[in-house]
Amino acid sequence: MIKLAKREEQIMQAFWDVEKAFIRDIIPLLPDPKPHYNSVATMVRILEEKGFLGHEVIGNIFCYFPIISREEYQKHALKDVVSQYFDNSYPRMLAFFAKEQNLSEEELTEIITIIKNRKS
């Protein structure tokens, strides 16, 4: 799976939030400064070419929807981060975040609970 550029990812976040939309509906959901309609339309076409979005024709307007789920992309992005920065070690990544984010004992216990529940 291809890693998305920052603005592409922002557009996908908007589509994941609304599930189906016209380009004009996505622009207000993007962070400032808001890109021009034509810029978003170009990026949406690129996202469709990359296989992230699909469309259906309603009247004479394209309505776009995600083909790749947020969860699928998160898995891919996380695998890249773990590979690039933590030598493919999830324990190293968790230790890093526990230390850097000053996780409370309650948060660490919650993480352990999630892991234990997933294994059973």
N, C-alpha and C. Protein backbone atom coordinates (compact mmCIF):
# COMPACT_ATOMS: atom_id res chain seq x y z
N MET A 1 0.85 -1.18 0.00
CA MET A 1 0.00 0.00 0.00
C MET A 1 0.89 1.24 0.00
N ILE A 2 0.46 2.24 -0.71
CA ILE A 2 1.21 3.48 -0.86
C ILE A 2 0.98 4.39 0.34
N LYS A 3 2.05 5.04 0.81
CA LYS A 3 1.91 6.04 1.86
C LYS A 3 1.39 7.32 1.22
N LEU A 4 0.40 7.91 1.86
CA LEU A 4 -0.22 9.12 1.32
C LEU A 4 0.55 10.37 1.73
N ALA A 5 0.51 11.37 0.87
CA ALA A 5 1.05 12.68 1.20
C ALA A 5 0.12 13.32 2.24
N LYS A 6 0.61 14.34 2.91
CA LYS A 6 -0.13 14.96 4.01
C LYS A 6 -1.54 15.39 3.59
N ARG A 7 -1.67 16.13 2.50
CA ARG A 7 -2.99 16.63 2.08
C ARG A 7 -3.87 15.47 1.61
N GLU A 8 -3.28 14.46 0.97
CA GLU A 8 -4.06 13.30 0.56
C GLU A 8 -4.64 12.60 1.79
N GLU A 9 -3.82 12.48 2.82
CA GLU A 9 -4.29 11.85 4.06
C GLU A 9 -5.40 12.67 4.71
N GLN A 10 -5.29 13.99 4.66
CA GLN A 10 -6.33 14.85 5.22
C GLN A 10 -7.65 14.65 4.45
N ILE A 11 -7.55 14.53 3.15
CA ILE A 11 -8.75 14.30 2.34
C ILE A 11 -9.35 12.94 2.67
N MET A 12 -8.51 11.93 2.80
CA MET A 12 -9.01 10.61 3.15
C MET A 12 -9.65 10.63 4.54
N GLN A 13 -9.06 11.34 5.49
CA GLN A 13 -9.66 11.45 6.83
C GLN A 13 -11.08 11.99 6.72
N ALA A 14 -11.26 13.00 5.88
CA ALA A 14 -12.59 13.58 5.68
C ALA A 14 -13.55 12.55 5.09
N PHE A 15 -13.10 11.82 4.08
CA PHE A 15 -13.96 10.79 3.48
C PHE A 15 -14.27 9.68 4.47
N TRP A 16 -13.28 9.28 5.27
CA TRP A 16 -13.54 8.25 6.27
C TRP A 16 -14.58 8.73 7.29
N ASP A 17 -14.55 10.01 7.62
CA ASP A 17 -15.51 10.55 8.59
C ASP A 17 -16.93 10.58 8.03
N VAL A 18 -17.08 10.96 6.76
CA VAL A 18 -18.43 11.10 6.20
C VAL A 18 -18.88 9.90 5.37
N GLU A 19 -17.96 9.06 4.97
CA GLU A 19 -18.19 7.82 4.22
C GLU A 19 -18.53 8.00 2.74
N LYS A 20 -19.24 9.04 2.39
CA LYS A 20 -19.61 9.26 1.00
C LYS A 20 -19.88 10.75 0.84
N ALA A 21 -19.27 11.38 -0.20
CA ALA A 21 -19.44 12.83 -0.34
C ALA A 21 -19.04 13.32 -1.72
N PHE A 22 -19.56 14.49 -2.04
CA PHE A 22 -19.11 15.22 -3.21
C PHE A 22 -17.90 16.04 -2.80
N ILE A 23 -17.10 16.44 -3.77
CA ILE A 23 -15.89 17.22 -3.47
C ILE A 23 -16.23 18.48 -2.68
N ARG A 24 -17.30 19.17 -3.06
CA ARG A 24 -17.66 20.42 -2.37
C ARG A 24 -17.98 20.19 -0.89
N ASP A 25 -18.39 18.97 -0.53
CA ASP A 25 -18.70 18.65 0.86
C ASP A 25 -17.45 18.36 1.69
N ILE A 26 -16.37 18.01 1.02
CA ILE A 26 -15.13 17.65 1.71
C ILE A 26 -14.32 18.90 2.09
N ILE A 27 -14.33 19.91 1.25
CA ILE A 27 -13.48 21.09 1.45
C ILE A 27 -13.66 21.72 2.84
N PRO A 28 -14.89 21.92 3.33
CA PRO A 28 -15.03 22.52 4.67
C PRO A 28 -14.46 21.65 5.80
N LEU A 29 -14.29 20.36 5.55
CA LEU A 29 -13.77 19.45 6.56
C LEU A 29 -12.25 19.45 6.64
N LEU A 30 -11.59 20.09 5.66
CA LEU A 30 -10.14 20.11 5.60
C LEU A 30 -9.60 21.24 6.47
N PRO A 31 -8.38 21.04 7.01
CA PRO A 31 -7.78 22.10 7.84
C PRO A 31 -7.44 23.34 7.03
N ASP A 32 -7.36 24.47 7.71
CA ASP A 32 -6.94 25.73 7.06
C ASP A 32 -5.46 25.68 6.76
N PRO A 33 -5.03 26.34 5.73
CA PRO A 33 -5.80 27.06 4.74
C PRO A 33 -6.52 26.09 3.81
N LYS A 34 -7.78 26.39 3.54
CA LYS A 34 -8.59 25.52 2.69
C LYS A 34 -8.05 25.54 1.26
N PRO A 35 -7.86 24.38 0.68
CA PRO A 35 -7.40 24.34 -0.71
C PRO A 35 -8.52 24.72 -1.67
N HIS A 36 -8.16 25.14 -2.85
CA HIS A 36 -9.12 25.49 -3.89
C HIS A 36 -9.82 24.22 -4.36
N TYR A 37 -11.04 24.36 -4.82
CA TYR A 37 -11.84 23.23 -5.30
C TYR A 37 -11.07 22.41 -6.33
N ASN A 38 -10.44 23.08 -7.30
CA ASN A 38 -9.71 22.36 -8.35
C ASN A 38 -8.57 21.53 -7.79
N SER A 39 -7.89 22.04 -6.76
CA SER A 39 -6.80 21.29 -6.12
C SER A 39 -7.33 20.02 -5.46
N VAL A 40 -8.45 20.16 -4.76
CA VAL A 40 -9.04 18.99 -4.10
C VAL A 40 -9.52 18.00 -5.16
N ALA A 41 -10.13 18.49 -6.22
CA ALA A 41 -10.61 17.61 -7.30
C ALA A 41 -9.45 16.82 -7.90
N THR A 42 -8.32 17.48 -8.10
CA THR A 42 -7.14 16.80 -8.64
C THR A 42 -6.66 15.72 -7.67
N MET A 43 -6.59 16.05 -6.38
CA MET A 43 -6.13 15.07 -5.39
C MET A 43 -7.11 13.91 -5.25
N VAL A 44 -8.39 14.19 -5.36
CA VAL A 44 -9.39 13.12 -5.30
C VAL A 44 -9.21 12.18 -6.48
N ARG A 45 -8.97 12.72 -7.66
CA ARG A 45 -8.71 11.86 -8.83
C ARG A 45 -7.47 11.00 -8.62
N ILE A 46 -6.43 11.60 -8.03
CA ILE A 46 -5.20 10.84 -7.75
C ILE A 46 -5.48 9.74 -6.73
N LEU A 47 -6.25 10.05 -5.70
CA LEU A 47 -6.61 9.04 -4.70
C LEU A 47 -7.42 7.92 -5.32
N GLU A 48 -8.24 8.26 -6.29
CA GLU A 48 -9.00 7.22 -6.99
C GLU A 48 -8.06 6.35 -7.83
N GLU A 49 -7.10 6.97 -8.51
CA GLU A 49 -6.12 6.21 -9.31
C GLU A 49 -5.28 5.30 -8.42
N LYS A 50 -4.98 5.75 -7.20
CA LYS A 50 -4.19 4.94 -6.27
C LYS A 50 -5.02 3.84 -5.61
N GLY A 51 -6.33 3.84 -5.84
CA GLY A 51 -7.19 2.80 -5.30
C GLY A 51 -7.74 3.08 -3.92
N PHE A 52 -7.65 4.32 -3.46
CA PHE A 52 -8.16 4.67 -2.14
C PHE A 52 -9.64 5.09 -2.18
N LEU A 53 -10.08 5.66 -3.29
CA LEU A 53 -11.45 6.13 -3.44
C LEU A 53 -12.10 5.50 -4.66
N GLY A 54 -13.41 5.37 -4.58
CA GLY A 54 -14.22 4.99 -5.72
C GLY A 54 -15.28 6.06 -5.91
N HIS A 55 -16.06 5.95 -6.96
CA HIS A 55 -17.13 6.94 -7.15
C HIS A 55 -18.35 6.31 -7.78
N GLU A 56 -19.46 6.99 -7.59
CA GLU A 56 -20.69 6.67 -8.31
C GLU A 56 -21.19 7.98 -8.89
N VAL A 57 -21.87 7.87 -10.00
CA VAL A 57 -22.38 9.06 -10.67
C VAL A 57 -23.81 9.30 -10.19
N ILE A 58 -24.05 10.50 -9.67
CA ILE A 58 -25.39 10.91 -9.26
C ILE A 58 -25.74 12.13 -10.11
N GLY A 59 -26.69 11.95 -11.02
CA GLY A 59 -26.96 13.01 -11.99
C GLY A 59 -25.76 13.10 -12.91
N ASN A 60 -25.11 14.25 -12.90
CA ASN A 60 -23.88 14.39 -13.68
C ASN A 60 -22.68 14.72 -12.78
N ILE A 61 -22.80 14.37 -11.48
CA ILE A 61 -21.75 14.68 -10.50
C ILE A 61 -21.25 13.38 -9.89
N PHE A 62 -19.94 13.33 -9.65
CA PHE A 62 -19.36 12.16 -9.00
C PHE A 62 -19.48 12.29 -7.49
N CYS A 63 -19.94 11.22 -6.87
CA CYS A 63 -19.98 11.11 -5.42
C CYS A 63 -18.93 10.06 -5.04
N TYR A 64 -17.99 10.46 -4.20
CA TYR A 64 -16.84 9.60 -3.88
C TYR A 64 -17.03 8.89 -2.54
N PHE A 65 -16.38 7.74 -2.41
CA PHE A 65 -16.43 6.96 -1.18
C PHE A 65 -15.11 6.21 -1.02
N PRO A 66 -14.70 5.95 0.23
CA PRO A 66 -13.45 5.22 0.46
C PRO A 66 -13.55 3.76 0.06
N ILE A 67 -12.49 3.27 -0.56
CA ILE A 67 -12.37 1.85 -0.85
C ILE A 67 -11.48 1.20 0.22
N ILE A 68 -10.44 1.92 0.61
CA ILE A 68 -9.54 1.47 1.68
C ILE A 68 -10.10 2.03 2.99
N SER A 69 -10.28 1.18 3.97
CA SER A 69 -10.81 1.65 5.26
C SER A 69 -9.71 2.35 6.07
N ARG A 70 -10.15 3.16 7.01
CA ARG A 70 -9.23 3.84 7.91
C ARG A 70 -8.37 2.80 8.64
N GLU A 71 -8.99 1.71 9.07
CA GLU A 71 -8.27 0.67 9.80
C GLU A 71 -7.18 0.02 8.95
N GLU A 72 -7.51 -0.26 7.67
CA GLU A 72 -6.50 -0.84 6.78
C GLU A 72 -5.30 0.10 6.64
N TYR A 73 -5.59 1.39 6.46
CA TYR A 73 -4.50 2.35 6.29
C TYR A 73 -3.72 2.51 7.59
N GLN A 74 -4.41 2.52 8.73
CA GLN A 74 -3.72 2.62 10.02
C GLN A 74 -2.74 1.47 10.21
N LYS A 75 -3.19 0.25 9.88
CA LYS A 75 -2.32 -0.92 10.01
C LYS A 75 -1.05 -0.75 9.17
N HIS A 76 -1.25 -0.33 7.94
CA HIS A 76 -0.11 -0.15 7.03
C HIS A 76 0.82 0.94 7.55
N ALA A 77 0.25 2.07 7.95
CA ALA A 77 1.07 3.20 8.42
C ALA A 77 1.82 2.82 9.69
N LEU A 78 1.17 2.10 10.58
CA LEU A 78 1.81 1.70 11.83
C LEU A 78 2.95 0.72 11.57
N LYS A 79 2.72 -0.22 10.64
CA LYS A 79 3.79 -1.16 10.29
C LYS A 79 5.01 -0.41 9.76
N ASP A 80 4.78 0.62 8.95
CA ASP A 80 5.89 1.42 8.44
C ASP A 80 6.65 2.12 9.56
N VAL A 81 5.92 2.70 10.51
CA VAL A 81 6.56 3.41 11.63
C VAL A 81 7.37 2.43 12.47
N VAL A 82 6.77 1.29 12.79
CA VAL A 82 7.47 0.28 13.59
C VAL A 82 8.72 -0.21 12.87
N SER A 83 8.60 -0.41 11.57
CA SER A 83 9.74 -0.86 10.78
C SER A 83 10.84 0.20 10.72
N GLN A 84 10.46 1.44 10.42
CA GLN A 84 11.45 2.50 10.22
C GLN A 84 12.11 2.98 11.51
N TYR A 85 11.35 3.02 12.61
CA TYR A 85 11.86 3.68 13.81
C TYR A 85 12.09 2.76 15.00
N PHE A 86 11.56 1.54 14.96
CA PHE A 86 11.65 0.66 16.12
C PHE A 86 12.15 -0.74 15.78
N ASP A 87 12.88 -0.87 14.67
CA ASP A 87 13.46 -2.16 14.27
C ASP A 87 12.44 -3.30 14.27
N ASN A 88 11.24 -3.02 13.78
CA ASN A 88 10.16 -4.01 13.71
C ASN A 88 9.77 -4.58 15.08
N SER A 89 9.97 -3.80 16.13
CA SER A 89 9.67 -4.27 17.48
C SER A 89 8.52 -3.46 18.09
N TYR A 90 7.37 -4.12 18.22
CA TYR A 90 6.23 -3.46 18.85
C TYR A 90 6.49 -3.20 20.34
N PRO A 91 7.17 -4.10 21.05
CA PRO A 91 7.49 -3.79 22.45
C PRO A 91 8.35 -2.51 22.57
N ARG A 92 9.30 -2.33 21.67
CA ARG A 92 10.11 -1.09 21.70
C ARG A 92 9.24 0.13 21.45
N MET A 93 8.31 0.00 20.51
CA MET A 93 7.43 1.13 20.21
C MET A 93 6.56 1.46 21.42
N LEU A 94 5.98 0.44 22.05
CA LEU A 94 5.14 0.68 23.22
C LEU A 94 5.95 1.28 24.37
N ALA A 95 7.16 0.79 24.56
CA ALA A 95 8.02 1.33 25.62
C ALA A 95 8.35 2.79 25.34
N PHE A 96 8.62 3.10 24.09
CA PHE A 96 8.91 4.48 23.70
C PHE A 96 7.73 5.40 24.04
N PHE A 97 6.52 5.00 23.63
CA PHE A 97 5.36 5.83 23.88
C PHE A 97 5.03 5.91 25.37
N ALA A 98 5.21 4.81 26.08
CA ALA A 98 4.96 4.84 27.53
C ALA A 98 5.88 5.84 28.21
N LYS A 99 7.13 5.88 27.78
CA LYS A 99 8.10 6.80 28.37
C LYS A 99 7.86 8.24 27.91
N GLU A 100 7.74 8.44 26.61
CA GLU A 100 7.64 9.79 26.04
C GLU A 100 6.32 10.48 26.37
N GLN A 101 5.27 9.72 26.50
CA GLN A 101 3.95 10.31 26.75
C GLN A 101 3.61 10.33 28.23
N ASN A 102 4.55 9.87 29.06
CA ASN A 102 4.32 9.82 30.51
C ASN A 102 2.96 9.18 30.84
N LEU A 103 2.75 7.99 30.29
CA LEU A 103 1.49 7.31 30.52
C LEU A 103 1.30 7.00 32.00
N SER A 104 0.09 7.18 32.45
CA SER A 104 -0.22 6.89 33.85
C SER A 104 -0.31 5.38 34.04
N GLU A 105 -0.32 4.97 35.29
CA GLU A 105 -0.45 3.55 35.59
C GLU A 105 -1.79 3.03 35.08
N GLU A 106 -2.84 3.86 35.16
CA GLU A 106 -4.15 3.46 34.65
C GLU A 106 -4.11 3.22 33.14
N GLU A 107 -3.42 4.10 32.41
CA GLU A 107 -3.31 3.94 30.96
C GLU A 107 -2.52 2.69 30.60
N LEU A 108 -1.44 2.43 31.34
CA LEU A 108 -0.65 1.22 31.09
C LEU A 108 -1.48 -0.03 31.39
N THR A 109 -2.24 0.01 32.47
CA THR A 109 -3.11 -1.12 32.81
C THR A 109 -4.15 -1.34 31.72
N GLU A 110 -4.69 -0.25 31.18
CA GLU A 110 -5.67 -0.36 30.09
C GLU A 110 -5.04 -1.01 28.87
N ILE A 111 -3.81 -0.64 28.54
CA ILE A 111 -3.11 -1.24 27.40
C ILE A 111 -2.92 -2.74 27.63
N ILE A 112 -2.50 -3.11 28.84
CA ILE A 112 -2.29 -4.52 29.17
C ILE A 112 -3.61 -5.30 29.07
N THR A 113 -4.68 -4.69 29.55
CA THR A 113 -6.00 -5.32 29.48
C THR A 113 -6.41 -5.55 28.04
N ILE A 114 -6.21 -4.56 27.20
CA ILE A 114 -6.54 -4.69 25.77
C ILE A 114 -5.76 -5.84 25.14
N ILE A 115 -4.47 -5.91 25.45
CA ILE A 115 -3.62 -6.97 24.90
C ILE A 115 -4.09 -8.35 25.40
N LYS A 116 -4.36 -8.45 26.68
CA LYS A 116 -4.81 -9.74 27.25
C LYS A 116 -6.13 -10.17 26.64
N ASN A 117 -7.06 -9.22 26.47
CA ASN A 117 -8.37 -9.56 25.90
C ASN A 117 -8.27 -10.00 24.45
N ARG A 118 -7.33 -9.43 23.73
CA ARG A 118 -7.14 -9.79 22.32
C ARG A 118 -6.62 -11.21 22.19
N LYS A 119 -5.79 -11.64 23.13
CA LYS A 119 -5.19 -12.98 23.04
C LYS A 119 -6.19 -14.07 23.42
N SER A 120 -7.20 -13.76 24.22
CA SER A 120 -8.13 -14.81 24.65
C SER A 120 -9.30 -14.99 23.73
